[in-house]
Amino acid sequence: MGRQVVTLNVGSFNEICIRLERMVMSSGFVPDVVLSIATGGVYVGERLFASRPHVTTKLQRPGTAAKTNFFSGIVKKLPQPVLDAMRVAEASVLDILPARVIDPSRVVLDDLSAYDRILVVDDAVDSGATLNAVLQAVKSAYPEAEVRSAAVTVTTTRPLATPDFAIFNNYTLIRFPWAMDNRTAD
């Protein structure tokens, strides 16, 4: 399976978000609230369904903070092909290793009881552990709600949870505008 890395600037990111919102709407699902998973999901969620309420939950994948601290100083010095290869290698490792299940009780939710239709949004689904935990927490807390999920991309072959809506569901790796290795201009 060949993975590609797509780098988005602010303009192309906004276009992708418009496509994602249209995909959700064309299914007939219109959320009462957008629940964004921090951090990347917030950027996506902010651009979806602007007239709807938005809330955020935070549940970082294990190792994300350590990876950010380790790489932040050196990525600016590496050539783009090396950065692309690193992204592909990380996704390949995620495909081989069993996903670490995250306890849904670690998810902190705002009160969503006023909403019947909840759209959970993230930027990318890699192992699917974060999306899985958030979906389980929401469905457990609000069993009567209709819950759907959306992400820009699904990067691995066997995520624990797959979003209902995704622009890329073909293992495309996205370098988002906020990524530390994104060198595109606005």
N, C-alpha and C. Protein backbone atom coordinates (compact mmCIF):
# COMPACT_ATOMS: atom_id res chain seq x y z
N MET A 1 0.84 -1.17 0.00
CA MET A 1 0.00 0.00 0.00
C MET A 1 0.89 1.24 0.00
N GLY A 2 0.69 2.11 -0.97
CA GLY A 2 1.48 3.32 -1.03
C GLY A 2 0.78 4.47 -0.33
N ARG A 3 1.47 5.07 0.57
CA ARG A 3 0.92 6.23 1.27
C ARG A 3 1.47 7.49 0.63
N GLN A 4 0.64 8.50 0.58
CA GLN A 4 1.11 9.79 0.10
C GLN A 4 0.96 10.81 1.21
N VAL A 5 1.80 11.83 1.17
CA VAL A 5 1.72 12.93 2.12
C VAL A 5 1.22 14.14 1.36
N VAL A 6 0.15 14.73 1.84
CA VAL A 6 -0.43 15.92 1.23
C VAL A 6 -0.25 17.08 2.21
N THR A 7 0.35 18.15 1.73
CA THR A 7 0.56 19.33 2.56
C THR A 7 -0.53 20.35 2.23
N LEU A 8 -1.21 20.80 3.27
CA LEU A 8 -2.28 21.79 3.10
C LEU A 8 -1.84 23.15 3.61
N ASN A 9 -2.13 24.18 2.83
CA ASN A 9 -2.00 25.54 3.35
C ASN A 9 -3.37 25.95 3.88
N VAL A 10 -3.52 27.14 4.37
CA VAL A 10 -4.78 27.56 4.97
C VAL A 10 -5.92 27.49 3.95
N GLY A 11 -5.67 27.93 2.73
CA GLY A 11 -6.71 27.92 1.70
C GLY A 11 -7.18 26.52 1.35
N SER A 12 -6.24 25.61 1.11
CA SER A 12 -6.64 24.24 0.76
C SER A 12 -7.26 23.52 1.96
N PHE A 13 -6.83 23.85 3.17
CA PHE A 13 -7.46 23.28 4.37
C PHE A 13 -8.92 23.74 4.45
N ASN A 14 -9.18 25.01 4.23
CA ASN A 14 -10.55 25.52 4.27
C ASN A 14 -11.42 24.82 3.22
N GLU A 15 -10.87 24.60 2.02
CA GLU A 15 -11.61 23.90 0.96
C GLU A 15 -11.95 22.47 1.37
N ILE A 16 -11.01 21.79 2.01
CA ILE A 16 -11.24 20.42 2.49
C ILE A 16 -12.37 20.42 3.53
N CYS A 17 -12.37 21.40 4.42
CA CYS A 17 -13.40 21.48 5.45
C CYS A 17 -14.77 21.74 4.84
N ILE A 18 -14.83 22.55 3.81
CA ILE A 18 -16.09 22.79 3.10
C ILE A 18 -16.59 21.47 2.50
N ARG A 19 -15.69 20.71 1.89
CA ARG A 19 -16.07 19.40 1.33
C ARG A 19 -16.57 18.46 2.42
N LEU A 20 -15.91 18.47 3.57
CA LEU A 20 -16.32 17.59 4.66
C LEU A 20 -17.71 17.96 5.17
N GLU A 21 -17.97 19.24 5.35
CA GLU A 21 -19.30 19.67 5.78
C GLU A 21 -20.36 19.27 4.77
N ARG A 22 -20.08 19.45 3.49
CA ARG A 22 -21.04 19.05 2.45
C ARG A 22 -21.29 17.55 2.46
N MET A 23 -20.24 16.78 2.73
CA MET A 23 -20.38 15.32 2.81
C MET A 23 -21.34 14.95 3.94
N VAL A 24 -21.16 15.58 5.08
CA VAL A 24 -22.04 15.31 6.23
C VAL A 24 -23.47 15.71 5.88
N MET A 25 -23.64 16.90 5.35
CA MET A 25 -24.97 17.41 5.03
C MET A 25 -25.66 16.55 3.97
N SER A 26 -24.91 16.08 2.98
CA SER A 26 -25.52 15.28 1.91
C SER A 26 -26.04 13.94 2.42
N SER A 27 -25.57 13.51 3.59
CA SER A 27 -26.08 12.27 4.18
C SER A 27 -27.42 12.49 4.87
N GLY A 28 -27.78 13.77 5.04
CA GLY A 28 -29.01 14.10 5.76
C GLY A 28 -28.80 14.35 7.24
N PHE A 29 -27.58 14.17 7.71
CA PHE A 29 -27.28 14.41 9.13
C PHE A 29 -26.86 15.86 9.31
N VAL A 30 -27.62 16.59 10.11
CA VAL A 30 -27.26 17.96 10.46
C VAL A 30 -27.14 18.00 11.98
N PRO A 31 -25.93 18.23 12.48
CA PRO A 31 -25.74 18.15 13.93
C PRO A 31 -26.36 19.33 14.67
N ASP A 32 -26.75 19.05 15.92
CA ASP A 32 -27.17 20.12 16.82
C ASP A 32 -25.97 20.76 17.48
N VAL A 33 -24.87 19.99 17.59
CA VAL A 33 -23.64 20.46 18.22
C VAL A 33 -22.46 19.76 17.56
N VAL A 34 -21.34 20.47 17.49
CA VAL A 34 -20.09 19.90 16.99
C VAL A 34 -19.16 19.75 18.17
N LEU A 35 -18.73 18.50 18.42
CA LEU A 35 -17.80 18.20 19.50
C LEU A 35 -16.44 17.92 18.88
N SER A 36 -15.51 18.84 19.06
CA SER A 36 -14.19 18.73 18.45
C SER A 36 -13.20 18.13 19.43
N ILE A 37 -12.36 17.22 18.92
CA ILE A 37 -11.31 16.63 19.72
C ILE A 37 -10.07 17.47 19.58
N ALA A 38 -9.60 18.04 20.71
CA ALA A 38 -8.40 18.88 20.68
C ALA A 38 -7.19 18.00 20.44
N THR A 39 -6.22 18.44 19.75
CA THR A 39 -6.05 19.81 19.32
C THR A 39 -6.46 19.98 17.86
N GLY A 40 -6.04 19.07 17.00
CA GLY A 40 -6.30 19.22 15.57
C GLY A 40 -7.77 19.25 15.20
N GLY A 41 -8.58 18.49 15.92
CA GLY A 41 -10.00 18.47 15.62
C GLY A 41 -10.68 19.80 15.82
N VAL A 42 -10.12 20.64 16.68
CA VAL A 42 -10.69 21.97 16.92
C VAL A 42 -10.57 22.82 15.66
N TYR A 43 -9.44 22.75 14.98
CA TYR A 43 -9.26 23.52 13.75
C TYR A 43 -10.28 23.10 12.70
N VAL A 44 -10.53 21.81 12.60
CA VAL A 44 -11.52 21.30 11.65
C VAL A 44 -12.92 21.69 12.11
N GLY A 45 -13.21 21.42 13.38
CA GLY A 45 -14.54 21.69 13.91
C GLY A 45 -14.96 23.15 13.80
N GLU A 46 -14.00 24.06 13.98
CA GLU A 46 -14.31 25.49 13.88
C GLU A 46 -14.83 25.88 12.51
N ARG A 47 -14.50 25.11 11.50
CA ARG A 47 -14.88 25.44 10.13
C ARG A 47 -16.14 24.69 9.68
N LEU A 48 -16.66 23.83 10.53
CA LEU A 48 -17.86 23.07 10.17
C LEU A 48 -19.07 23.63 10.91
N PHE A 49 -20.17 23.75 10.20
CA PHE A 49 -21.45 24.11 10.79
C PHE A 49 -21.32 25.32 11.72
N ALA A 50 -20.91 26.43 11.15
CA ALA A 50 -20.63 27.64 11.93
C ALA A 50 -21.82 28.12 12.74
N SER A 51 -23.04 27.84 12.28
CA SER A 51 -24.22 28.32 13.00
C SER A 51 -24.60 27.43 14.18
N ARG A 52 -23.91 26.32 14.35
CA ARG A 52 -24.20 25.39 15.44
C ARG A 52 -23.26 25.63 16.62
N PRO A 53 -23.69 25.24 17.82
CA PRO A 53 -22.78 25.33 18.97
C PRO A 53 -21.58 24.39 18.79
N HIS A 54 -20.46 24.79 19.35
CA HIS A 54 -19.23 24.00 19.30
C HIS A 54 -18.69 23.81 20.71
N VAL A 55 -18.27 22.59 21.01
CA VAL A 55 -17.61 22.29 22.28
C VAL A 55 -16.36 21.47 21.97
N THR A 56 -15.48 21.42 22.95
CA THR A 56 -14.20 20.74 22.76
C THR A 56 -13.96 19.73 23.86
N THR A 57 -13.37 18.62 23.50
CA THR A 57 -12.88 17.66 24.48
C THR A 57 -11.41 17.41 24.18
N LYS A 58 -10.65 17.10 25.21
CA LYS A 58 -9.23 16.88 25.02
C LYS A 58 -8.87 15.48 25.49
N LEU A 59 -8.21 14.76 24.61
CA LEU A 59 -7.69 13.44 24.95
C LEU A 59 -6.57 13.16 23.96
N GLN A 60 -5.35 13.51 24.35
CA GLN A 60 -4.21 13.29 23.47
C GLN A 60 -3.83 11.83 23.46
N ARG A 61 -3.42 11.38 22.30
CA ARG A 61 -2.89 10.02 22.21
C ARG A 61 -1.65 9.91 23.08
N PRO A 62 -1.45 8.75 23.68
CA PRO A 62 -0.21 8.57 24.46
C PRO A 62 1.01 8.80 23.56
N GLY A 63 1.96 9.55 24.06
CA GLY A 63 3.20 9.78 23.32
C GLY A 63 3.20 11.04 22.47
N THR A 64 2.05 11.67 22.27
CA THR A 64 2.00 12.86 21.41
C THR A 64 2.85 13.99 21.96
N ALA A 65 2.72 14.27 23.25
CA ALA A 65 3.49 15.37 23.84
C ALA A 65 4.98 15.10 23.76
N ALA A 66 5.40 13.87 24.03
CA ALA A 66 6.82 13.54 23.96
C ALA A 66 7.34 13.67 22.53
N LYS A 67 6.55 13.23 21.56
CA LYS A 67 6.95 13.33 20.16
C LYS A 67 7.10 14.80 19.77
N THR A 68 6.15 15.63 20.19
CA THR A 68 6.20 17.05 19.86
C THR A 68 7.45 17.69 20.45
N ASN A 69 7.73 17.43 21.71
CA ASN A 69 8.92 18.01 22.34
C ASN A 69 10.20 17.55 21.67
N PHE A 70 10.29 16.28 21.33
CA PHE A 70 11.50 15.73 20.73
C PHE A 70 11.76 16.31 19.35
N PHE A 71 10.72 16.36 18.52
CA PHE A 71 10.91 16.74 17.13
C PHE A 71 10.86 18.22 16.85
N SER A 72 10.27 19.01 17.74
CA SER A 72 10.05 20.42 17.42
C SER A 72 11.34 21.16 17.10
N GLY A 73 12.45 20.80 17.72
CA GLY A 73 13.70 21.50 17.47
C GLY A 73 14.40 21.10 16.19
N ILE A 74 14.14 19.90 15.70
CA ILE A 74 14.90 19.44 14.54
C ILE A 74 14.14 19.47 13.21
N VAL A 75 12.82 19.53 13.25
CA VAL A 75 12.08 19.46 11.99
C VAL A 75 12.38 20.63 11.05
N LYS A 76 12.68 21.77 11.60
CA LYS A 76 12.95 22.93 10.75
C LYS A 76 14.21 22.76 9.92
N LYS A 77 15.07 21.85 10.35
CA LYS A 77 16.35 21.65 9.65
C LYS A 77 16.30 20.50 8.65
N LEU A 78 15.26 19.70 8.69
CA LEU A 78 15.20 18.52 7.82
C LEU A 78 14.56 18.86 6.49
N PRO A 79 15.05 18.27 5.40
CA PRO A 79 14.42 18.50 4.09
C PRO A 79 13.04 17.84 4.01
N GLN A 80 12.18 18.39 3.19
CA GLN A 80 10.80 17.91 3.07
C GLN A 80 10.71 16.41 2.76
N PRO A 81 11.51 15.85 1.86
CA PRO A 81 11.41 14.40 1.61
C PRO A 81 11.70 13.55 2.85
N VAL A 82 12.58 14.01 3.71
CA VAL A 82 12.87 13.28 4.95
C VAL A 82 11.66 13.36 5.88
N LEU A 83 11.05 14.54 5.97
CA LEU A 83 9.87 14.69 6.81
C LEU A 83 8.72 13.81 6.30
N ASP A 84 8.56 13.75 4.98
CA ASP A 84 7.53 12.87 4.40
C ASP A 84 7.81 11.42 4.76
N ALA A 85 9.05 11.01 4.63
CA ALA A 85 9.42 9.62 4.93
C ALA A 85 9.16 9.30 6.41
N MET A 86 9.41 10.27 7.28
CA MET A 86 9.15 10.06 8.71
C MET A 86 7.65 9.86 8.97
N ARG A 87 6.82 10.63 8.29
CA ARG A 87 5.37 10.48 8.45
C ARG A 87 4.91 9.11 7.96
N VAL A 88 5.42 8.68 6.83
CA VAL A 88 5.06 7.37 6.28
C VAL A 88 5.53 6.26 7.22
N ALA A 89 6.73 6.40 7.75
CA ALA A 89 7.26 5.39 8.68
C ALA A 89 6.40 5.30 9.93
N GLU A 90 6.01 6.44 10.48
CA GLU A 90 5.17 6.43 11.68
C GLU A 90 3.84 5.74 11.40
N ALA A 91 3.20 6.04 10.28
CA ALA A 91 1.93 5.41 9.94
C ALA A 91 2.10 3.92 9.71
N SER A 92 3.22 3.52 9.12
CA SER A 92 3.48 2.10 8.89
C SER A 92 3.63 1.35 10.20
N VAL A 93 4.30 1.97 11.15
CA VAL A 93 4.45 1.35 12.48
C VAL A 93 3.09 1.22 13.15
N LEU A 94 2.25 2.25 13.04
CA LEU A 94 0.91 2.20 13.64
C LEU A 94 0.08 1.07 13.03
N ASP A 95 0.33 0.75 11.77
CA ASP A 95 -0.39 -0.35 11.12
C ASP A 95 0.04 -1.71 11.66
N ILE A 96 1.27 -1.80 12.11
CA ILE A 96 1.81 -3.08 12.58
C ILE A 96 1.47 -3.33 14.04
N LEU A 97 1.61 -2.29 14.86
CA LEU A 97 1.39 -2.44 16.30
C LEU A 97 -0.10 -2.49 16.63
N PRO A 98 -0.45 -3.25 17.65
CA PRO A 98 -1.86 -3.20 18.09
C PRO A 98 -2.16 -1.83 18.69
N ALA A 99 -3.33 -1.33 18.40
CA ALA A 99 -3.70 -0.02 18.92
C ALA A 99 -3.89 -0.09 20.43
N ARG A 100 -3.42 0.93 21.09
CA ARG A 100 -3.58 1.03 22.55
C ARG A 100 -4.98 1.60 22.82
N VAL A 101 -5.80 0.82 23.49
CA VAL A 101 -7.15 1.25 23.81
C VAL A 101 -7.08 2.27 24.94
N ILE A 102 -7.81 3.36 24.76
CA ILE A 102 -7.87 4.42 25.76
C ILE A 102 -9.18 4.29 26.52
N ASP A 103 -9.10 4.34 27.82
CA ASP A 103 -10.27 4.24 28.67
C ASP A 103 -11.19 5.43 28.43
N PRO A 104 -12.43 5.20 28.02
CA PRO A 104 -13.36 6.32 27.76
C PRO A 104 -13.62 7.20 28.98
N SER A 105 -13.35 6.69 30.18
CA SER A 105 -13.55 7.53 31.37
C SER A 105 -12.55 8.68 31.44
N ARG A 106 -11.50 8.63 30.62
CA ARG A 106 -10.52 9.74 30.56
C ARG A 106 -11.04 10.92 29.76
N VAL A 107 -12.14 10.73 29.05
CA VAL A 107 -12.72 11.79 28.23
C VAL A 107 -13.56 12.70 29.12
N VAL A 108 -13.27 13.98 29.10
CA VAL A 108 -14.03 14.97 29.86
C VAL A 108 -15.00 15.64 28.90
N LEU A 109 -16.28 15.50 29.20
CA LEU A 109 -17.31 16.04 28.32
C LEU A 109 -18.05 17.19 28.99
N ASP A 110 -18.35 18.20 28.20
CA ASP A 110 -19.29 19.23 28.65
C ASP A 110 -20.68 18.60 28.67
N ASP A 111 -21.63 19.27 29.25
CA ASP A 111 -23.00 18.78 29.25
C ASP A 111 -23.58 18.91 27.84
N LEU A 112 -23.90 17.79 27.25
CA LEU A 112 -24.45 17.77 25.89
C LEU A 112 -25.90 17.30 25.89
N SER A 113 -26.53 17.28 27.06
CA SER A 113 -27.88 16.73 27.18
C SER A 113 -28.93 17.51 26.39
N ALA A 114 -28.65 18.73 26.01
CA ALA A 114 -29.61 19.54 25.25
C ALA A 114 -29.60 19.20 23.76
N TYR A 115 -28.71 18.31 23.34
CA TYR A 115 -28.53 18.05 21.91
C TYR A 115 -28.92 16.62 21.55
N ASP A 116 -29.67 16.51 20.45
CA ASP A 116 -30.10 15.19 19.96
C ASP A 116 -29.13 14.60 18.93
N ARG A 117 -28.44 15.46 18.19
CA ARG A 117 -27.53 15.01 17.13
C ARG A 117 -26.15 15.62 17.38
N ILE A 118 -25.17 14.75 17.62
CA ILE A 118 -23.82 15.19 17.99
C ILE A 118 -22.85 14.73 16.92
N LEU A 119 -22.07 15.67 16.39
CA LEU A 119 -21.02 15.34 15.44
C LEU A 119 -19.67 15.46 16.13
N VAL A 120 -18.97 14.34 16.25
CA VAL A 120 -17.63 14.31 16.84
C VAL A 120 -16.63 14.51 15.70
N VAL A 121 -15.71 15.46 15.86
CA VAL A 121 -14.79 15.83 14.78
C VAL A 121 -13.34 15.72 15.24
N ASP A 122 -12.51 15.13 14.38
CA ASP A 122 -11.06 15.13 14.59
C ASP A 122 -10.39 15.44 13.26
N ASP A 123 -9.12 15.78 13.31
CA ASP A 123 -8.41 16.10 12.07
C ASP A 123 -8.02 14.82 11.34
N ALA A 124 -7.39 13.89 12.06
CA ALA A 124 -6.91 12.64 11.44
C ALA A 124 -7.17 11.48 12.39
N VAL A 125 -7.51 10.35 11.81
CA VAL A 125 -7.66 9.12 12.58
C VAL A 125 -6.50 8.22 12.21
N ASP A 126 -5.63 7.99 13.18
CA ASP A 126 -4.47 7.11 12.97
C ASP A 126 -4.81 5.74 13.56
N SER A 127 -4.49 5.52 14.80
CA SER A 127 -4.84 4.24 15.44
C SER A 127 -6.34 4.15 15.70
N GLY A 128 -7.00 5.29 15.77
CA GLY A 128 -8.42 5.33 16.07
C GLY A 128 -8.73 5.24 17.56
N ALA A 129 -7.69 5.19 18.39
CA ALA A 129 -7.89 5.04 19.83
C ALA A 129 -8.59 6.27 20.43
N THR A 130 -8.19 7.45 20.03
CA THR A 130 -8.80 8.66 20.57
C THR A 130 -10.26 8.77 20.14
N LEU A 131 -10.51 8.61 18.85
CA LEU A 131 -11.88 8.69 18.35
C LEU A 131 -12.75 7.62 19.02
N ASN A 132 -12.23 6.43 19.16
CA ASN A 132 -12.95 5.34 19.79
C ASN A 132 -13.34 5.70 21.22
N ALA A 133 -12.40 6.23 22.00
CA ALA A 133 -12.67 6.59 23.38
C ALA A 133 -13.72 7.69 23.48
N VAL A 134 -13.60 8.71 22.63
CA VAL A 134 -14.56 9.81 22.67
C VAL A 134 -15.95 9.33 22.26
N LEU A 135 -16.02 8.54 21.20
CA LEU A 135 -17.33 8.02 20.77
C LEU A 135 -17.97 7.16 21.86
N GLN A 136 -17.18 6.31 22.49
CA GLN A 136 -17.73 5.48 23.57
C GLN A 136 -18.23 6.34 24.72
N ALA A 137 -17.46 7.37 25.09
CA ALA A 137 -17.86 8.24 26.19
C ALA A 137 -19.16 8.98 25.87
N VAL A 138 -19.25 9.51 24.66
CA VAL A 138 -20.45 10.26 24.27
C VAL A 138 -21.66 9.34 24.21
N LYS A 139 -21.51 8.19 23.59
CA LYS A 139 -22.64 7.26 23.46
C LYS A 139 -23.08 6.71 24.82
N SER A 140 -22.13 6.55 25.71
CA SER A 140 -22.46 6.07 27.06
C SER A 140 -23.20 7.15 27.86
N ALA A 141 -22.73 8.37 27.76
CA ALA A 141 -23.32 9.47 28.52
C ALA A 141 -24.67 9.92 27.93
N TYR A 142 -24.82 9.78 26.62
CA TYR A 142 -26.02 10.26 25.94
C TYR A 142 -26.55 9.18 25.00
N PRO A 143 -27.06 8.09 25.55
CA PRO A 143 -27.47 6.95 24.72
C PRO A 143 -28.62 7.24 23.76
N GLU A 144 -29.40 8.27 24.04
CA GLU A 144 -30.52 8.62 23.17
C GLU A 144 -30.09 9.49 21.99
N ALA A 145 -28.90 10.07 22.06
CA ALA A 145 -28.43 10.97 21.01
C ALA A 145 -27.99 10.19 19.77
N GLU A 146 -28.18 10.81 18.63
CA GLU A 146 -27.62 10.26 17.38
C GLU A 146 -26.22 10.85 17.25
N VAL A 147 -25.22 9.98 17.24
CA VAL A 147 -23.83 10.42 17.25
C VAL A 147 -23.17 9.97 15.95
N ARG A 148 -22.55 10.91 15.27
CA ARG A 148 -21.77 10.62 14.06
C ARG A 148 -20.40 11.23 14.23
N SER A 149 -19.47 10.81 13.37
CA SER A 149 -18.11 11.32 13.48
C SER A 149 -17.56 11.67 12.10
N ALA A 150 -16.62 12.61 12.10
CA ALA A 150 -16.01 13.08 10.87
C ALA A 150 -14.54 13.40 11.11
N ALA A 151 -13.73 13.17 10.09
CA ALA A 151 -12.31 13.50 10.12
C ALA A 151 -11.87 13.79 8.70
N VAL A 152 -10.79 14.52 8.58
CA VAL A 152 -10.25 14.80 7.25
C VAL A 152 -9.66 13.54 6.63
N THR A 153 -8.94 12.73 7.43
CA THR A 153 -8.27 11.56 6.86
C THR A 153 -8.23 10.40 7.84
N VAL A 154 -8.19 9.20 7.29
CA VAL A 154 -7.94 7.96 8.03
C VAL A 154 -6.62 7.42 7.47
N THR A 155 -5.62 7.29 8.35
CA THR A 155 -4.26 7.03 7.86
C THR A 155 -3.79 5.59 7.98
N THR A 156 -4.53 4.74 8.66
CA THR A 156 -4.10 3.35 8.85
C THR A 156 -5.17 2.39 8.36
N THR A 157 -4.80 1.13 8.27
CA THR A 157 -5.71 0.14 7.69
C THR A 157 -6.72 -0.43 8.68
N ARG A 158 -6.40 -0.41 9.97
CA ARG A 158 -7.28 -1.04 10.96
C ARG A 158 -7.48 -0.15 12.19
N PRO A 159 -8.02 1.05 12.03
CA PRO A 159 -8.22 1.87 13.22
C PRO A 159 -9.29 1.27 14.13
N LEU A 160 -9.18 1.54 15.42
CA LEU A 160 -10.18 1.07 16.38
C LEU A 160 -11.56 1.66 16.09
N ALA A 161 -11.58 2.87 15.57
CA ALA A 161 -12.84 3.52 15.17
C ALA A 161 -12.59 4.22 13.85
N THR A 162 -13.54 4.10 12.96
CA THR A 162 -13.47 4.76 11.67
C THR A 162 -14.58 5.81 11.62
N PRO A 163 -14.25 7.02 11.22
CA PRO A 163 -15.29 8.06 11.19
C PRO A 163 -16.36 7.75 10.14
N ASP A 164 -17.55 8.22 10.41
CA ASP A 164 -18.64 8.06 9.45
C ASP A 164 -18.36 8.84 8.17
N PHE A 165 -17.65 9.94 8.31
CA PHE A 165 -17.35 10.81 7.17
C PHE A 165 -15.86 11.12 7.18
N ALA A 166 -15.21 10.95 6.03
CA ALA A 166 -13.79 11.29 5.88
C ALA A 166 -13.53 11.67 4.43
N ILE A 167 -12.77 12.72 4.24
CA ILE A 167 -12.39 13.12 2.88
C ILE A 167 -11.41 12.12 2.30
N PHE A 168 -10.40 11.76 3.07
CA PHE A 168 -9.42 10.78 2.62
C PHE A 168 -9.58 9.53 3.49
N ASN A 169 -9.96 8.43 2.89
CA ASN A 169 -10.05 7.17 3.60
C ASN A 169 -9.17 6.16 2.86
N ASN A 170 -8.02 6.66 2.44
CA ASN A 170 -7.13 5.87 1.61
C ASN A 170 -5.68 5.95 2.11
N TYR A 171 -5.54 6.15 3.42
CA TYR A 171 -4.23 6.17 4.06
C TYR A 171 -3.40 7.39 3.68
N THR A 172 -4.07 8.46 3.25
CA THR A 172 -3.37 9.69 2.94
C THR A 172 -2.96 10.38 4.24
N LEU A 173 -1.71 10.76 4.30
CA LEU A 173 -1.16 11.47 5.45
C LEU A 173 -1.23 12.96 5.16
N ILE A 174 -1.81 13.70 6.06
CA ILE A 174 -2.01 15.14 5.85
C ILE A 174 -1.05 15.92 6.73
N ARG A 175 -0.37 16.88 6.11
CA ARG A 175 0.43 17.86 6.85
C ARG A 175 -0.46 19.10 6.93
N PHE A 176 -1.07 19.28 8.09
CA PHE A 176 -2.02 20.37 8.28
C PHE A 176 -1.28 21.70 8.43
N PRO A 177 -1.99 22.83 8.21
CA PRO A 177 -1.32 24.13 8.30
C PRO A 177 -0.65 24.38 9.66
N TRP A 178 -1.15 23.82 10.72
CA TRP A 178 -0.59 24.04 12.06
C TRP A 178 0.53 23.07 12.41
N ALA A 179 0.82 22.11 11.54
CA ALA A 179 1.86 21.12 11.83
C ALA A 179 3.23 21.79 11.91
N MET A 180 4.05 21.31 12.84
CA MET A 180 5.36 21.92 13.03
C MET A 180 6.26 21.77 11.82
N ASP A 181 5.96 20.80 10.93
CA ASP A 181 6.80 20.61 9.74
C ASP A 181 6.14 21.15 8.47
N ASN A 182 5.10 21.98 8.61
CA ASN A 182 4.45 22.57 7.45
C ASN A 182 5.13 23.89 7.13
N ARG A 183 5.70 23.98 5.95
CA ARG A 183 6.44 25.19 5.55
C ARG A 183 5.71 25.99 4.47
N THR A 184 4.43 25.69 4.25
CA THR A 184 3.69 26.40 3.21
C THR A 184 3.31 27.79 3.68
N ALA A 185 3.14 28.64 2.73
CA ALA A 185 2.66 30.00 3.03
C ALA A 185 1.14 29.96 3.05
N ASP A 186 0.55 30.97 3.69
CA ASP A 186 -0.90 31.07 3.73
C ASP A 186 -1.38 31.22 2.32
